[in-house]
């Protein structure tokens, strides 16, 4: 699956090179898993909510034993959704949203533009 347009929408300039590579590898893994399970999805714009839900509910639960790894994959999935230009409802349906009152560090990865 071609992810060049999606990755171009992400702003990695505040990350170290190894962190940047880790995010890109996780996003590529998500795309490969979706493409293997749903062969008709050959373009990043064809990814639907149920494809992302399959990744979260089925694949991630079966292939990741570490809580930290699951959190990193979910963070990468959230970046993928934002870079594809989907609305906040997708993040809510995937359980990625964080309440504003909770606080925390701002993310180091930004989204340059919402539409690929």
Protein backbone atom coordinates (compact mmCIF):
# COMPACT_ATOMS: atom_id res chain seq x y z
CA UNK A 1 0.00 0.00 0.00
CA UNK A 2 1.33 3.42 -0.91
CA UNK A 3 1.58 5.59 2.19
CA UNK A 4 3.72 8.39 0.75
CA UNK A 5 0.89 10.93 0.77
CA UNK A 6 -0.11 10.02 4.30
CA UNK A 7 3.46 10.18 5.61
CA UNK A 8 3.95 13.53 3.86
CA UNK A 9 1.06 14.89 5.94
CA UNK A 10 2.83 14.04 9.20
CA UNK A 11 5.33 16.45 10.74
CA UNK A 12 8.19 14.47 12.27
CA UNK A 13 10.71 17.30 12.53
CA UNK A 14 10.64 17.43 16.36
CA UNK A 15 11.49 13.72 16.66
CA UNK A 16 14.85 12.03 16.71
CA UNK A 17 15.57 9.87 13.63
CA UNK A 18 15.09 6.57 15.46
CA UNK A 19 11.71 7.69 16.84
CA UNK A 20 10.67 8.84 13.38
CA UNK A 21 11.61 5.46 11.94
CA UNK A 22 9.67 3.66 14.68
CA UNK A 23 6.47 5.62 13.90
CA UNK A 24 6.85 5.00 10.18
CA UNK A 25 7.44 1.28 10.74
CA UNK A 26 4.36 1.01 12.93
CA UNK A 27 2.20 2.86 10.39
CA UNK A 28 3.54 0.57 7.64
CA UNK A 29 2.74 -2.48 9.78
CA UNK A 30 -0.83 -1.25 10.24
CA UNK A 31 -1.19 -0.78 6.48
CA UNK A 32 0.25 -4.23 5.72
CA UNK A 33 -2.06 -5.93 8.22
CA UNK A 34 -5.11 -4.18 6.76
CA UNK A 35 -4.02 -4.99 3.20
CA UNK A 36 -3.44 -8.67 4.04
CA UNK A 37 -6.83 -9.07 5.69
CA UNK A 38 -8.71 -6.94 3.15
CA UNK A 39 -7.00 -7.49 -0.24
CA UNK A 40 -9.28 -5.02 -2.02
CA UNK A 41 -7.77 -2.17 0.04
CA UNK A 42 -4.76 -1.18 -2.05
CA UNK A 43 -4.72 2.57 -1.40
CA UNK A 44 -4.63 4.47 1.89
CA UNK A 45 -7.76 6.40 0.89
CA UNK A 46 -9.70 3.11 0.81
CA UNK A 47 -9.17 2.44 4.52
CA UNK A 48 -12.51 2.51 6.31
CA UNK A 49 -13.33 2.60 10.00
CA UNK A 50 -14.05 -1.13 10.17
CA UNK A 51 -10.56 -1.85 8.79
CA UNK A 52 -9.00 0.18 11.60
CA UNK A 53 -11.30 -1.52 14.10
CA UNK A 54 -10.20 -4.93 12.82
CA UNK A 55 -6.59 -3.92 13.45
CA UNK A 56 -7.34 -2.74 16.98
CA UNK A 57 -9.79 -5.44 18.07
CA UNK A 58 -8.45 -8.55 16.36
CA UNK A 59 -4.87 -8.25 15.16
CA UNK A 60 -3.47 -6.12 17.96
CA UNK A 61 -5.11 -8.26 20.62
CA UNK A 62 -3.61 -11.44 19.13
CA UNK A 63 -0.15 -10.22 18.15
CA UNK A 64 0.93 -7.87 20.91
CA UNK A 65 1.57 -9.11 24.41
CA UNK A 66 3.07 -5.88 25.74
CA UNK A 67 0.84 -3.05 26.92
CA UNK A 68 3.44 -0.50 25.82
CA UNK A 69 3.56 -1.93 22.29
CA UNK A 70 -0.24 -1.78 22.06
CA UNK A 71 -0.16 1.85 23.18
CA UNK A 72 2.45 2.71 20.55
CA UNK A 73 0.44 0.99 17.82
CA UNK A 74 -2.70 2.86 18.91
CA UNK A 75 -0.78 6.14 18.82
CA UNK A 76 0.42 5.31 15.30
CA UNK A 77 -3.13 4.35 14.29
CA UNK A 78 -4.38 7.71 15.57
CA UNK A 79 -1.72 9.52 13.52
CA UNK A 80 -2.69 7.51 10.45
CA UNK A 81 -6.35 8.44 10.91
CA UNK A 82 -5.53 12.13 11.38
CA UNK A 83 -3.16 12.20 8.40
CA UNK A 84 -5.84 10.64 6.20
CA UNK A 85 -8.13 13.53 7.11
CA UNK A 86 -10.85 11.64 8.96
CA UNK A 87 -12.89 13.35 11.64
CA UNK A 88 -12.75 12.98 15.41
CA UNK A 89 -15.57 10.41 15.36
CA UNK A 90 -13.10 7.86 14.04
CA UNK A 91 -10.79 8.47 16.99
CA UNK A 92 -13.71 8.11 19.39
CA UNK A 93 -14.84 4.86 17.76
CA UNK A 94 -11.30 3.51 18.04
CA UNK A 95 -10.97 4.59 21.67
CA UNK A 96 -8.06 6.94 20.98
CA UNK A 97 -9.49 10.21 22.28
CA UNK A 98 -8.15 11.68 25.49
CA UNK A 99 -10.24 14.01 27.66
CA UNK A 100 -9.01 17.61 27.58
CA UNK A 101 -9.08 17.86 31.37
CA UNK A 102 -6.68 14.94 31.76
CA UNK A 103 -3.71 16.94 30.53
CA UNK A 104 -0.41 15.33 29.68
CA UNK A 105 2.40 16.15 27.32
CA UNK A 106 1.60 17.49 23.89
CA UNK A 107 2.44 15.14 21.08
CA UNK A 108 5.73 15.56 19.26
CA UNK A 109 4.23 14.52 15.92
CA UNK A 110 1.95 16.95 14.17
CA UNK A 111 -0.28 16.74 11.13
CA UNK A 112 0.66 19.23 8.41
CA UNK A 113 -2.53 18.92 6.41
CA UNK A 114 -5.66 16.92 7.00
CA UNK A 115 -6.27 15.77 3.43
CA UNK A 116 -3.89 13.52 1.47
